[in-house]
Amino acid sequence: MNKIFVTILAMIIGVGCVNAQVLTSEEVKAQVAKVFEDRYRAMYDGDIEVKITATQFANLQLPDGKITYKIVNGGDKILARDIKRVDVLVNNAYVKSLNLPAQTSIYKDVLVASDMIGREQTLTKECTEVKRLDVAFRGVDFVLSEDMLAKDIIKRRLDEGITYTEFSYMIMQSLDFEY
């Protein structure tokens, strides 16, 4: 009799103490994507878009409390396609780890050739144009932007005319200076 009473009491206490919240896969994807977008905005300029493409669950059951997501890996470097590891915390207590496939896009206004440019052809403003492109595949830090044309040395040379070879050399010098 005591055993039955203890079992029933334990079930009543257990049911009364365990409160849970259920998040859908879509809710988790959106929340985790926002965490990555905020992190990347602090590191890079441009319009950043992160899309979590899949989860291992349809619904995620978590204890009641404030949910936060902690980036374990994949948050310091942008790759166009990557697996992101994220810890789920409820009230700052670890609950679960998720491995989530993500696609990242960074859109920037970049300088591109408006037509084929020969090696010794003179570069002018007329043979280049600014387009909005996803630069995550190309390396975020190694694209030419319109503000680069505003630099005095480049602006002056573009007015006079500069060859592709000269322009490339200036870019190589700047990369060499950076490293």
Foldseek 3Di string as FASTA:
>chain_A
DVVVVVVVVVVVVVVVPFDKDKDAFVRVQVQVQVVLQVLVVVVADADKGKGFDDFPDGMDIGTDADKDKDWPDDRPAFAQWDWTWIFIDGVNHTDDITTTIMGMWGWDWFKDFPDDADQFFWAAPVRIDTDIGTCNNVDRVPTHHPVVCVDPVNVVCNVVTDGPVRVVVVVVVVVVVVD
